[in-house]
């Protein structure tokens, strides 16, 4: 596994702060999310209950994000990702499930400040209105032209996951959107 994040901690200050959040262990699990074995295995690794549809449950640097009806994204400390994959594979023997360490294929960004929602709303078609998207919500969407996942981690804080191969592009569009003075005006 890589010991260097995609952008080595890049930070941009504007109307809101955009920063690469550093290395994060990320594990994709596909399978029957109603299975007791899956539920038990992922809770054992992430330490939190399975989230509802379009939600994320986190505790410290661990968590579980709902990605689709048969897919979860588990968050663990980067150094624990390989052991977590081995633990999940062992616990899910006999289950119809796949587990993959995607930590080095993804980049994670934190966007925080009073205009964070505005900065993101300029780039995504997802409805980020506070009445429909609040803390603990997770969406798979696009940022400009690339796939991404967004979750609100606090009142004025959001996280974005994208492919590592487009990390520079995503950082640059987020930084530009956060710097720009034009508001969406919808919120």
N, C-alpha and C. Protein backbone atom coordinates (compact mmCIF):
# COMPACT_ATOMS: atom_id res chain seq x y z
N UNK A 1 0.84 -1.18 0.00
CA UNK A 1 0.00 0.00 0.00
C UNK A 1 0.88 1.24 0.00
N UNK A 2 0.35 2.29 -0.58
CA UNK A 2 1.07 3.55 -0.66
C UNK A 2 1.19 4.19 0.72
N UNK A 3 2.29 4.86 0.95
CA UNK A 3 2.43 5.61 2.20
C UNK A 3 2.43 7.12 1.92
N UNK A 4 2.00 7.49 0.71
CA UNK A 4 1.93 8.90 0.31
C UNK A 4 0.52 9.14 -0.25
N UNK A 5 -0.15 10.16 0.24
CA UNK A 5 -1.48 10.48 -0.26
C UNK A 5 -1.38 11.09 -1.66
N UNK A 6 -2.49 11.18 -2.34
CA UNK A 6 -2.52 11.62 -3.73
C UNK A 6 -1.91 13.00 -3.92
N UNK A 7 -2.22 13.94 -3.04
CA UNK A 7 -1.74 15.31 -3.21
C UNK A 7 -0.89 15.79 -2.03
N UNK A 8 -0.46 14.86 -1.21
CA UNK A 8 0.44 15.13 -0.09
C UNK A 8 -0.04 16.29 0.79
N UNK A 9 -1.35 16.25 1.13
CA UNK A 9 -1.90 17.21 2.07
C UNK A 9 -2.19 18.59 1.53
N UNK A 10 -2.45 18.71 0.25
CA UNK A 10 -2.73 20.02 -0.36
C UNK A 10 -3.87 20.73 0.37
N UNK A 11 -3.73 22.06 0.50
CA UNK A 11 -4.73 22.89 1.17
C UNK A 11 -4.98 24.14 0.33
N UNK A 12 -6.24 24.54 0.24
CA UNK A 12 -6.60 25.79 -0.43
C UNK A 12 -7.53 26.55 0.51
N UNK A 13 -7.21 27.82 0.73
CA UNK A 13 -8.05 28.68 1.56
C UNK A 13 -8.80 29.64 0.65
N UNK A 14 -10.07 29.79 0.92
CA UNK A 14 -10.91 30.73 0.17
C UNK A 14 -12.07 31.10 1.05
N UNK A 15 -13.26 31.22 0.47
CA UNK A 15 -14.45 31.44 1.29
C UNK A 15 -14.68 30.25 2.19
N UNK A 16 -14.09 29.13 1.83
CA UNK A 16 -14.13 27.92 2.64
C UNK A 16 -12.80 27.21 2.45
N UNK A 17 -12.49 26.29 3.31
CA UNK A 17 -11.20 25.58 3.28
C UNK A 17 -11.37 24.24 2.58
N UNK A 18 -10.47 23.95 1.66
CA UNK A 18 -10.44 22.66 0.96
C UNK A 18 -9.10 22.03 1.27
N UNK A 19 -9.12 20.79 1.74
CA UNK A 19 -7.86 20.11 2.01
C UNK A 19 -7.96 18.64 1.68
N UNK A 20 -6.85 18.12 1.21
CA UNK A 20 -6.78 16.68 1.05
C UNK A 20 -6.67 16.11 2.46
N UNK A 21 -7.52 15.16 2.77
CA UNK A 21 -7.60 14.65 4.14
C UNK A 21 -6.53 13.62 4.47
N UNK A 22 -5.69 13.26 3.52
CA UNK A 22 -4.62 12.30 3.79
C UNK A 22 -5.04 10.86 3.53
N UNK A 23 -4.20 9.96 3.96
CA UNK A 23 -4.45 8.54 3.71
C UNK A 23 -5.62 8.04 4.55
N UNK A 24 -6.49 7.28 3.91
CA UNK A 24 -7.66 6.70 4.58
C UNK A 24 -7.85 5.29 4.05
N UNK A 25 -7.99 4.35 4.93
CA UNK A 25 -8.30 2.99 4.51
C UNK A 25 -9.73 2.92 4.01
N UNK A 26 -9.93 2.38 2.81
CA UNK A 26 -11.26 2.25 2.22
C UNK A 26 -11.42 0.85 1.65
N UNK A 27 -12.49 0.21 2.03
CA UNK A 27 -12.75 -1.17 1.60
C UNK A 27 -14.15 -1.22 0.99
N UNK A 28 -14.23 -1.72 -0.23
CA UNK A 28 -15.52 -1.93 -0.88
C UNK A 28 -15.98 -3.34 -0.58
N UNK A 29 -17.22 -3.47 -0.13
CA UNK A 29 -17.82 -4.77 0.11
C UNK A 29 -19.11 -4.83 -0.69
N UNK A 30 -19.23 -5.86 -1.51
CA UNK A 30 -20.46 -6.09 -2.27
C UNK A 30 -21.03 -7.42 -1.82
N UNK A 31 -22.33 -7.42 -1.56
CA UNK A 31 -22.99 -8.65 -1.12
C UNK A 31 -24.40 -8.36 -0.66
N UNK A 32 -24.98 -9.32 0.00
CA UNK A 32 -26.34 -9.20 0.53
C UNK A 32 -26.27 -8.43 1.85
N UNK A 33 -26.69 -7.17 1.83
CA UNK A 33 -26.59 -6.34 3.01
C UNK A 33 -27.57 -6.74 4.11
N UNK A 34 -28.51 -7.61 3.79
CA UNK A 34 -29.45 -8.11 4.79
C UNK A 34 -28.92 -9.36 5.49
N UNK A 35 -27.81 -9.88 5.01
CA UNK A 35 -27.23 -11.09 5.58
C UNK A 35 -26.67 -10.81 6.98
N UNK A 36 -26.99 -11.69 7.92
CA UNK A 36 -26.48 -11.54 9.29
C UNK A 36 -24.96 -11.64 9.31
N UNK A 37 -24.39 -12.48 8.45
CA UNK A 37 -22.93 -12.63 8.40
C UNK A 37 -22.27 -11.34 7.92
N UNK A 38 -22.85 -10.70 6.90
CA UNK A 38 -22.31 -9.43 6.40
C UNK A 38 -22.43 -8.36 7.47
N UNK A 39 -23.60 -8.25 8.06
CA UNK A 39 -23.82 -7.25 9.11
C UNK A 39 -22.82 -7.41 10.25
N UNK A 40 -22.65 -8.62 10.71
CA UNK A 40 -21.74 -8.89 11.82
C UNK A 40 -20.29 -8.59 11.43
N UNK A 41 -19.90 -9.01 10.24
CA UNK A 41 -18.51 -8.82 9.79
C UNK A 41 -18.16 -7.34 9.65
N UNK A 42 -19.03 -6.56 9.02
CA UNK A 42 -18.69 -5.15 8.81
C UNK A 42 -18.74 -4.36 10.12
N UNK A 43 -19.68 -4.71 10.99
CA UNK A 43 -19.73 -4.04 12.30
C UNK A 43 -18.48 -4.37 13.11
N UNK A 44 -18.00 -5.60 12.99
CA UNK A 44 -16.79 -5.99 13.70
C UNK A 44 -15.57 -5.22 13.24
N UNK A 45 -15.51 -4.91 11.96
CA UNK A 45 -14.37 -4.17 11.40
C UNK A 45 -14.50 -2.67 11.63
N UNK A 46 -15.68 -2.12 11.39
CA UNK A 46 -15.86 -0.67 11.44
C UNK A 46 -16.33 -0.15 12.80
N UNK A 47 -16.88 -1.03 13.62
CA UNK A 47 -17.28 -0.60 14.94
C UNK A 47 -18.56 0.21 15.01
N UNK A 48 -19.32 0.26 13.92
CA UNK A 48 -20.59 0.99 13.89
C UNK A 48 -21.64 0.11 13.21
N UNK A 49 -22.91 0.43 13.46
CA UNK A 49 -24.00 -0.30 12.81
C UNK A 49 -24.10 0.10 11.34
N UNK A 50 -24.69 -0.78 10.54
CA UNK A 50 -24.92 -0.45 9.13
C UNK A 50 -25.80 0.79 9.04
N UNK A 51 -25.44 1.72 8.16
CA UNK A 51 -26.25 2.92 8.00
C UNK A 51 -27.48 2.63 7.15
N UNK A 52 -28.41 3.56 7.21
CA UNK A 52 -29.59 3.48 6.35
C UNK A 52 -29.19 3.80 4.92
N UNK A 53 -30.13 3.64 4.01
CA UNK A 53 -29.90 3.98 2.60
C UNK A 53 -29.47 5.44 2.48
N UNK A 54 -28.47 5.70 1.65
CA UNK A 54 -27.91 7.04 1.38
C UNK A 54 -27.38 7.71 2.65
N UNK A 55 -26.81 6.91 3.55
CA UNK A 55 -26.28 7.47 4.79
C UNK A 55 -24.89 6.91 5.07
N UNK A 56 -24.24 7.50 6.06
CA UNK A 56 -22.94 7.05 6.52
C UNK A 56 -22.94 7.09 8.04
N UNK A 57 -22.34 6.08 8.64
CA UNK A 57 -22.20 6.03 10.09
C UNK A 57 -20.70 6.01 10.39
N UNK A 58 -20.26 6.95 11.21
CA UNK A 58 -18.83 7.02 11.53
C UNK A 58 -18.64 7.14 13.03
N UNK A 59 -17.48 6.68 13.46
CA UNK A 59 -17.04 6.83 14.84
C UNK A 59 -15.52 6.97 14.78
N UNK A 60 -15.05 8.20 15.00
CA UNK A 60 -13.61 8.44 14.89
C UNK A 60 -13.16 8.27 13.46
N UNK A 61 -12.12 7.47 13.24
CA UNK A 61 -11.59 7.27 11.89
C UNK A 61 -12.11 5.99 11.23
N UNK A 62 -13.21 5.47 11.75
CA UNK A 62 -13.85 4.29 11.17
C UNK A 62 -15.29 4.62 10.79
N UNK A 63 -15.81 3.86 9.85
CA UNK A 63 -17.20 4.08 9.47
C UNK A 63 -17.65 3.14 8.38
N UNK A 64 -18.94 3.24 8.08
CA UNK A 64 -19.56 2.47 7.01
C UNK A 64 -20.45 3.42 6.22
N UNK A 65 -20.27 3.43 4.91
CA UNK A 65 -21.09 4.25 4.03
C UNK A 65 -21.93 3.33 3.14
N UNK A 66 -23.22 3.65 3.02
CA UNK A 66 -24.11 2.95 2.10
C UNK A 66 -23.83 3.50 0.71
N UNK A 67 -23.50 2.62 -0.23
CA UNK A 67 -23.18 3.06 -1.59
C UNK A 67 -24.23 2.65 -2.61
N UNK A 68 -24.86 1.50 -2.40
CA UNK A 68 -25.93 1.01 -3.28
C UNK A 68 -26.61 -0.15 -2.55
N UNK A 69 -27.70 -0.69 -3.10
CA UNK A 69 -28.41 -1.76 -2.38
C UNK A 69 -27.56 -3.00 -2.07
N UNK A 70 -26.43 -3.17 -2.76
CA UNK A 70 -25.58 -4.32 -2.45
C UNK A 70 -24.12 -3.92 -2.23
N UNK A 71 -23.88 -2.66 -1.87
CA UNK A 71 -22.49 -2.21 -1.72
C UNK A 71 -22.33 -1.27 -0.52
N UNK A 72 -21.25 -1.51 0.21
CA UNK A 72 -20.85 -0.65 1.32
C UNK A 72 -19.42 -0.21 1.10
N UNK A 73 -19.07 0.93 1.66
CA UNK A 73 -17.69 1.39 1.71
C UNK A 73 -17.33 1.48 3.18
N UNK A 74 -16.35 0.69 3.59
CA UNK A 74 -15.90 0.71 4.97
C UNK A 74 -14.68 1.61 5.08
N UNK A 75 -14.67 2.45 6.10
CA UNK A 75 -13.56 3.34 6.37
C UNK A 75 -12.83 2.83 7.61
N UNK A 76 -11.54 2.68 7.49
CA UNK A 76 -10.69 2.24 8.60
C UNK A 76 -9.39 3.02 8.51
N UNK A 77 -8.60 3.05 9.57
CA UNK A 77 -7.29 3.67 9.43
C UNK A 77 -6.51 3.01 8.29
N UNK A 78 -5.77 3.80 7.55
CA UNK A 78 -5.05 3.30 6.38
C UNK A 78 -4.18 2.09 6.71
N UNK A 79 -3.49 2.13 7.82
CA UNK A 79 -2.58 1.05 8.21
C UNK A 79 -3.33 -0.25 8.54
N UNK A 80 -4.62 -0.17 8.80
CA UNK A 80 -5.42 -1.35 9.17
C UNK A 80 -6.19 -1.95 8.00
N UNK A 81 -6.12 -1.35 6.83
CA UNK A 81 -6.97 -1.77 5.71
C UNK A 81 -6.71 -3.21 5.28
N UNK A 82 -5.46 -3.59 5.12
CA UNK A 82 -5.17 -4.95 4.66
C UNK A 82 -5.63 -5.99 5.66
N UNK A 83 -5.41 -5.75 6.94
CA UNK A 83 -5.86 -6.69 7.97
C UNK A 83 -7.39 -6.74 8.01
N UNK A 84 -8.03 -5.61 7.80
CA UNK A 84 -9.50 -5.58 7.80
C UNK A 84 -10.05 -6.39 6.63
N UNK A 85 -9.42 -6.29 5.46
CA UNK A 85 -9.85 -7.08 4.31
C UNK A 85 -9.70 -8.57 4.61
N UNK A 86 -8.59 -8.96 5.20
CA UNK A 86 -8.38 -10.37 5.55
C UNK A 86 -9.43 -10.85 6.56
N UNK A 87 -9.73 -10.01 7.54
CA UNK A 87 -10.73 -10.35 8.55
C UNK A 87 -12.11 -10.51 7.91
N UNK A 88 -12.46 -9.58 7.02
CA UNK A 88 -13.76 -9.67 6.33
C UNK A 88 -13.83 -10.91 5.45
N UNK A 89 -12.76 -11.20 4.72
CA UNK A 89 -12.76 -12.37 3.83
C UNK A 89 -12.95 -13.65 4.64
N UNK A 90 -12.31 -13.72 5.78
CA UNK A 90 -12.44 -14.91 6.65
C UNK A 90 -13.87 -15.01 7.19
N UNK A 91 -14.41 -13.90 7.67
CA UNK A 91 -15.75 -13.90 8.26
C UNK A 91 -16.83 -14.18 7.22
N UNK A 92 -16.55 -13.88 5.95
CA UNK A 92 -17.57 -14.03 4.91
C UNK A 92 -17.38 -15.27 4.04
N UNK A 93 -16.53 -16.20 4.48
CA UNK A 93 -16.39 -17.46 3.74
C UNK A 93 -17.75 -18.13 3.65
N UNK A 94 -18.10 -18.56 2.45
CA UNK A 94 -19.40 -19.20 2.24
C UNK A 94 -20.51 -18.22 1.88
N UNK A 95 -20.26 -16.94 2.06
CA UNK A 95 -21.24 -15.90 1.67
C UNK A 95 -20.94 -15.48 0.23
N UNK A 96 -21.96 -15.06 -0.47
CA UNK A 96 -21.77 -14.50 -1.81
C UNK A 96 -21.42 -13.03 -1.62
N UNK A 97 -20.12 -12.74 -1.52
CA UNK A 97 -19.67 -11.38 -1.25
C UNK A 97 -18.27 -11.18 -1.81
N UNK A 98 -17.96 -9.95 -2.18
CA UNK A 98 -16.60 -9.60 -2.58
C UNK A 98 -16.12 -8.47 -1.69
N UNK A 99 -14.83 -8.50 -1.40
CA UNK A 99 -14.20 -7.51 -0.54
C UNK A 99 -12.94 -7.04 -1.25
N UNK A 100 -12.75 -5.73 -1.36
CA UNK A 100 -11.56 -5.21 -2.04
C UNK A 100 -11.04 -3.98 -1.32
N UNK A 101 -9.73 -3.95 -1.14
CA UNK A 101 -9.07 -2.79 -0.56
C UNK A 101 -8.89 -1.77 -1.68
N UNK A 102 -9.61 -0.65 -1.60
CA UNK A 102 -9.53 0.39 -2.63
C UNK A 102 -8.83 1.65 -2.11
N UNK A 103 -8.16 1.53 -0.99
CA UNK A 103 -7.53 2.69 -0.34
C UNK A 103 -6.62 3.47 -1.28
N UNK A 104 -5.79 2.78 -2.01
CA UNK A 104 -4.81 3.46 -2.87
C UNK A 104 -5.40 3.90 -4.20
N UNK A 105 -6.65 3.57 -4.44
CA UNK A 105 -7.30 3.98 -5.68
C UNK A 105 -8.21 5.19 -5.47
N UNK A 106 -8.28 5.69 -4.24
CA UNK A 106 -9.18 6.79 -3.91
C UNK A 106 -8.42 7.94 -3.25
N UNK A 107 -9.02 9.12 -3.31
CA UNK A 107 -8.52 10.30 -2.60
C UNK A 107 -9.67 10.85 -1.78
N UNK A 108 -9.35 11.45 -0.64
CA UNK A 108 -10.35 11.98 0.27
C UNK A 108 -10.07 13.45 0.53
N UNK A 109 -11.12 14.26 0.43
CA UNK A 109 -11.01 15.70 0.67
C UNK A 109 -11.98 16.14 1.76
N UNK A 110 -11.58 17.16 2.51
CA UNK A 110 -12.45 17.78 3.50
C UNK A 110 -12.70 19.22 3.05
N UNK A 111 -13.96 19.62 3.05
CA UNK A 111 -14.36 20.97 2.68
C UNK A 111 -15.09 21.52 3.89
N UNK A 112 -14.57 22.61 4.46
CA UNK A 112 -15.19 23.11 5.68
C UNK A 112 -15.23 24.63 5.71
N UNK A 113 -16.28 25.12 6.34
CA UNK A 113 -16.49 26.55 6.47
C UNK A 113 -17.93 26.91 6.18
N UNK A 114 -18.32 28.14 6.44
CA UNK A 114 -19.72 28.54 6.28
C UNK A 114 -20.23 28.48 4.84
N UNK A 115 -19.33 28.44 3.86
CA UNK A 115 -19.76 28.39 2.46
C UNK A 115 -19.45 27.04 1.79
N UNK A 116 -19.18 26.03 2.59
CA UNK A 116 -18.83 24.71 2.05
C UNK A 116 -19.95 24.13 1.18
N UNK A 117 -21.17 24.25 1.65
CA UNK A 117 -22.31 23.72 0.88
C UNK A 117 -22.42 24.42 -0.47
N UNK A 118 -22.23 25.73 -0.47
CA UNK A 118 -22.27 26.52 -1.70
C UNK A 118 -21.17 26.07 -2.67
N UNK A 119 -19.97 25.88 -2.14
CA UNK A 119 -18.84 25.48 -3.00
C UNK A 119 -19.14 24.15 -3.69
N UNK A 120 -19.69 23.20 -2.95
CA UNK A 120 -20.03 21.90 -3.53
C UNK A 120 -21.21 22.00 -4.50
N UNK A 121 -22.21 22.79 -4.13
CA UNK A 121 -23.42 22.89 -4.96
C UNK A 121 -23.13 23.42 -6.35
N UNK A 122 -22.07 24.19 -6.50
CA UNK A 122 -21.71 24.71 -7.83
C UNK A 122 -21.18 23.62 -8.74
N UNK A 123 -20.79 22.50 -8.17
CA UNK A 123 -20.12 21.46 -8.95
C UNK A 123 -20.91 20.18 -9.15
N UNK A 124 -22.00 20.00 -8.41
CA UNK A 124 -22.71 18.73 -8.47
C UNK A 124 -24.19 18.91 -8.77
N UNK A 125 -24.81 17.96 -9.46
CA UNK A 125 -26.25 18.01 -9.66
C UNK A 125 -27.04 17.51 -8.44
N UNK A 126 -26.35 16.94 -7.44
CA UNK A 126 -27.04 16.43 -6.25
C UNK A 126 -27.71 17.58 -5.50
N UNK A 127 -28.87 17.30 -4.95
CA UNK A 127 -29.59 18.30 -4.16
C UNK A 127 -28.93 18.41 -2.79
N UNK A 128 -28.25 19.50 -2.55
CA UNK A 128 -27.55 19.72 -1.29
C UNK A 128 -28.28 20.68 -0.36
N UNK A 129 -29.53 20.96 -0.65
CA UNK A 129 -30.30 21.85 0.22
C UNK A 129 -30.30 21.27 1.64
N UNK A 130 -30.14 22.12 2.65
CA UNK A 130 -30.09 21.63 4.03
C UNK A 130 -31.30 20.80 4.46
N UNK A 131 -32.45 21.00 3.83
CA UNK A 131 -33.63 20.21 4.18
C UNK A 131 -33.56 18.78 3.62
N UNK A 132 -32.72 18.56 2.60
CA UNK A 132 -32.64 17.23 1.99
C UNK A 132 -31.28 16.57 2.14
N UNK A 133 -30.29 17.32 2.60
CA UNK A 133 -28.94 16.77 2.74
C UNK A 133 -28.31 17.34 4.01
N UNK A 134 -28.21 16.51 5.03
CA UNK A 134 -27.69 16.97 6.32
C UNK A 134 -26.60 16.06 6.83
N UNK A 135 -26.13 16.31 8.05
CA UNK A 135 -25.08 15.48 8.64
C UNK A 135 -25.45 14.00 8.62
N UNK A 136 -24.51 13.18 8.22
CA UNK A 136 -24.73 11.74 8.13
C UNK A 136 -25.30 11.27 6.80
N UNK A 137 -25.57 12.20 5.89
CA UNK A 137 -26.10 11.84 4.57
C UNK A 137 -24.93 11.56 3.62
N UNK A 138 -25.14 10.65 2.70
CA UNK A 138 -24.12 10.25 1.72
C UNK A 138 -24.75 10.21 0.35
N UNK A 139 -24.05 10.76 -0.64
CA UNK A 139 -24.53 10.71 -2.02
C UNK A 139 -23.40 10.34 -2.96
N UNK A 140 -23.70 9.47 -3.90
CA UNK A 140 -22.82 9.24 -5.04
C UNK A 140 -23.31 10.18 -6.12
N UNK A 141 -22.39 10.89 -6.73
CA UNK A 141 -22.79 11.89 -7.70
C UNK A 141 -21.62 12.18 -8.62
N UNK A 142 -21.62 13.35 -9.20
CA UNK A 142 -20.51 13.82 -10.02
C UNK A 142 -20.08 15.18 -9.50
N UNK A 143 -18.81 15.45 -9.60
CA UNK A 143 -18.28 16.80 -9.38
C UNK A 143 -17.74 17.23 -10.72
N UNK A 144 -18.40 18.20 -11.33
CA UNK A 144 -18.09 18.59 -12.70
C UNK A 144 -18.19 17.34 -13.56
N UNK A 145 -17.10 16.83 -14.08
CA UNK A 145 -17.16 15.70 -15.02
C UNK A 145 -16.71 14.36 -14.46
N UNK A 146 -16.50 14.26 -13.14
CA UNK A 146 -15.97 13.00 -12.61
C UNK A 146 -16.87 12.45 -11.49
N UNK A 147 -16.91 11.11 -11.37
CA UNK A 147 -17.70 10.52 -10.29
C UNK A 147 -17.07 10.83 -8.93
N UNK A 148 -17.95 10.99 -7.94
CA UNK A 148 -17.50 11.26 -6.58
C UNK A 148 -18.59 10.83 -5.61
N UNK A 149 -18.22 10.77 -4.34
CA UNK A 149 -19.17 10.55 -3.26
C UNK A 149 -18.99 11.69 -2.28
N UNK A 150 -20.10 12.19 -1.76
CA UNK A 150 -20.09 13.33 -0.84
C UNK A 150 -20.85 12.94 0.42
N UNK A 151 -20.30 13.30 1.58
CA UNK A 151 -21.09 13.19 2.79
C UNK A 151 -20.89 14.41 3.66
N UNK A 152 -21.95 14.75 4.38
CA UNK A 152 -21.86 15.86 5.30
C UNK A 152 -21.44 15.30 6.65
N UNK A 153 -20.28 15.74 7.12
CA UNK A 153 -19.72 15.20 8.35
C UNK A 153 -19.91 16.14 9.54
N UNK A 154 -20.42 17.33 9.32
CA UNK A 154 -20.69 18.29 10.39
C UNK A 154 -21.54 19.41 9.83
N UNK A 155 -21.91 20.36 10.68
CA UNK A 155 -22.77 21.45 10.22
C UNK A 155 -22.17 22.22 9.04
N UNK A 156 -20.87 22.47 9.09
CA UNK A 156 -20.19 23.21 8.01
C UNK A 156 -19.03 22.41 7.44
N UNK A 157 -19.14 21.08 7.46
CA UNK A 157 -18.04 20.24 6.99
C UNK A 157 -18.58 19.11 6.12
N UNK A 158 -17.90 18.90 5.00
CA UNK A 158 -18.25 17.84 4.06
C UNK A 158 -16.99 17.08 3.70
N UNK A 159 -17.15 15.83 3.29
CA UNK A 159 -16.04 15.03 2.76
C UNK A 159 -16.39 14.60 1.35
N UNK A 160 -15.38 14.50 0.52
CA UNK A 160 -15.54 14.06 -0.86
C UNK A 160 -14.54 12.95 -1.13
N UNK A 161 -15.01 11.87 -1.74
CA UNK A 161 -14.15 10.78 -2.18
C UNK A 161 -14.20 10.76 -3.70
N UNK A 162 -13.03 10.63 -4.32
CA UNK A 162 -12.96 10.49 -5.77
C UNK A 162 -11.85 9.49 -6.11
N UNK A 163 -11.75 9.16 -7.37
CA UNK A 163 -10.65 8.31 -7.80
C UNK A 163 -9.33 9.08 -7.67
N UNK A 164 -8.31 8.39 -7.25
CA UNK A 164 -7.00 9.03 -7.08
C UNK A 164 -6.50 9.62 -8.40
N UNK A 165 -6.84 9.00 -9.49
CA UNK A 165 -6.36 9.46 -10.80
C UNK A 165 -6.88 10.84 -11.17
N UNK A 166 -7.97 11.28 -10.55
CA UNK A 166 -8.51 12.61 -10.84
C UNK A 166 -8.42 13.53 -9.62
N UNK A 167 -7.61 13.18 -8.65
CA UNK A 167 -7.51 13.94 -7.40
C UNK A 167 -7.10 15.39 -7.65
N UNK A 168 -6.12 15.62 -8.50
CA UNK A 168 -5.68 16.99 -8.76
C UNK A 168 -6.81 17.81 -9.38
N UNK A 169 -7.51 17.24 -10.34
CA UNK A 169 -8.63 17.93 -10.97
C UNK A 169 -9.70 18.27 -9.94
N UNK A 170 -10.08 17.31 -9.11
CA UNK A 170 -11.11 17.54 -8.10
C UNK A 170 -10.67 18.60 -7.11
N UNK A 171 -9.44 18.51 -6.65
CA UNK A 171 -8.93 19.53 -5.72
C UNK A 171 -9.00 20.91 -6.36
N UNK A 172 -8.55 21.02 -7.59
CA UNK A 172 -8.53 22.32 -8.27
C UNK A 172 -9.93 22.90 -8.47
N UNK A 173 -10.91 22.08 -8.86
CA UNK A 173 -12.26 22.63 -9.04
C UNK A 173 -12.89 22.99 -7.70
N UNK A 174 -12.61 22.19 -6.67
CA UNK A 174 -13.11 22.53 -5.34
C UNK A 174 -12.49 23.84 -4.85
N UNK A 175 -11.18 23.98 -5.03
CA UNK A 175 -10.49 25.20 -4.59
C UNK A 175 -11.02 26.42 -5.34
N UNK A 176 -11.23 26.29 -6.64
CA UNK A 176 -11.76 27.40 -7.42
C UNK A 176 -13.18 27.75 -6.98
N UNK A 177 -14.01 26.74 -6.77
CA UNK A 177 -15.38 26.96 -6.33
C UNK A 177 -15.42 27.59 -4.94
N UNK A 178 -14.50 27.20 -4.07
CA UNK A 178 -14.46 27.75 -2.71
C UNK A 178 -13.93 29.18 -2.69
N UNK A 179 -13.13 29.54 -3.67
CA UNK A 179 -12.54 30.87 -3.74
C UNK A 179 -13.49 31.87 -4.35
N UNK A 180 -14.26 31.43 -5.30
CA UNK A 180 -15.17 32.29 -6.07
C UNK A 180 -16.17 32.97 -5.15
N UNK A 181 -16.46 34.22 -5.40
CA UNK A 181 -17.40 34.97 -4.58
C UNK A 181 -18.87 34.76 -4.94
N UNK A 182 -19.15 34.16 -6.09
CA UNK A 182 -20.53 33.99 -6.53
C UNK A 182 -21.20 32.89 -5.72
N UNK A 183 -22.35 33.19 -5.15
CA UNK A 183 -23.10 32.20 -4.39
C UNK A 183 -24.13 31.55 -5.29
N UNK A 184 -24.52 30.34 -4.93
CA UNK A 184 -25.56 29.65 -5.66
C UNK A 184 -26.88 30.39 -5.46
N UNK A 185 -27.10 30.88 -4.24
CA UNK A 185 -28.29 31.67 -3.96
C UNK A 185 -29.53 30.84 -3.66
N UNK A 186 -29.41 29.54 -3.64
CA UNK A 186 -30.55 28.68 -3.40
C UNK A 186 -30.73 28.37 -1.92
N UNK A 187 -29.64 28.43 -1.18
CA UNK A 187 -29.68 28.05 0.22
C UNK A 187 -29.94 29.25 1.09
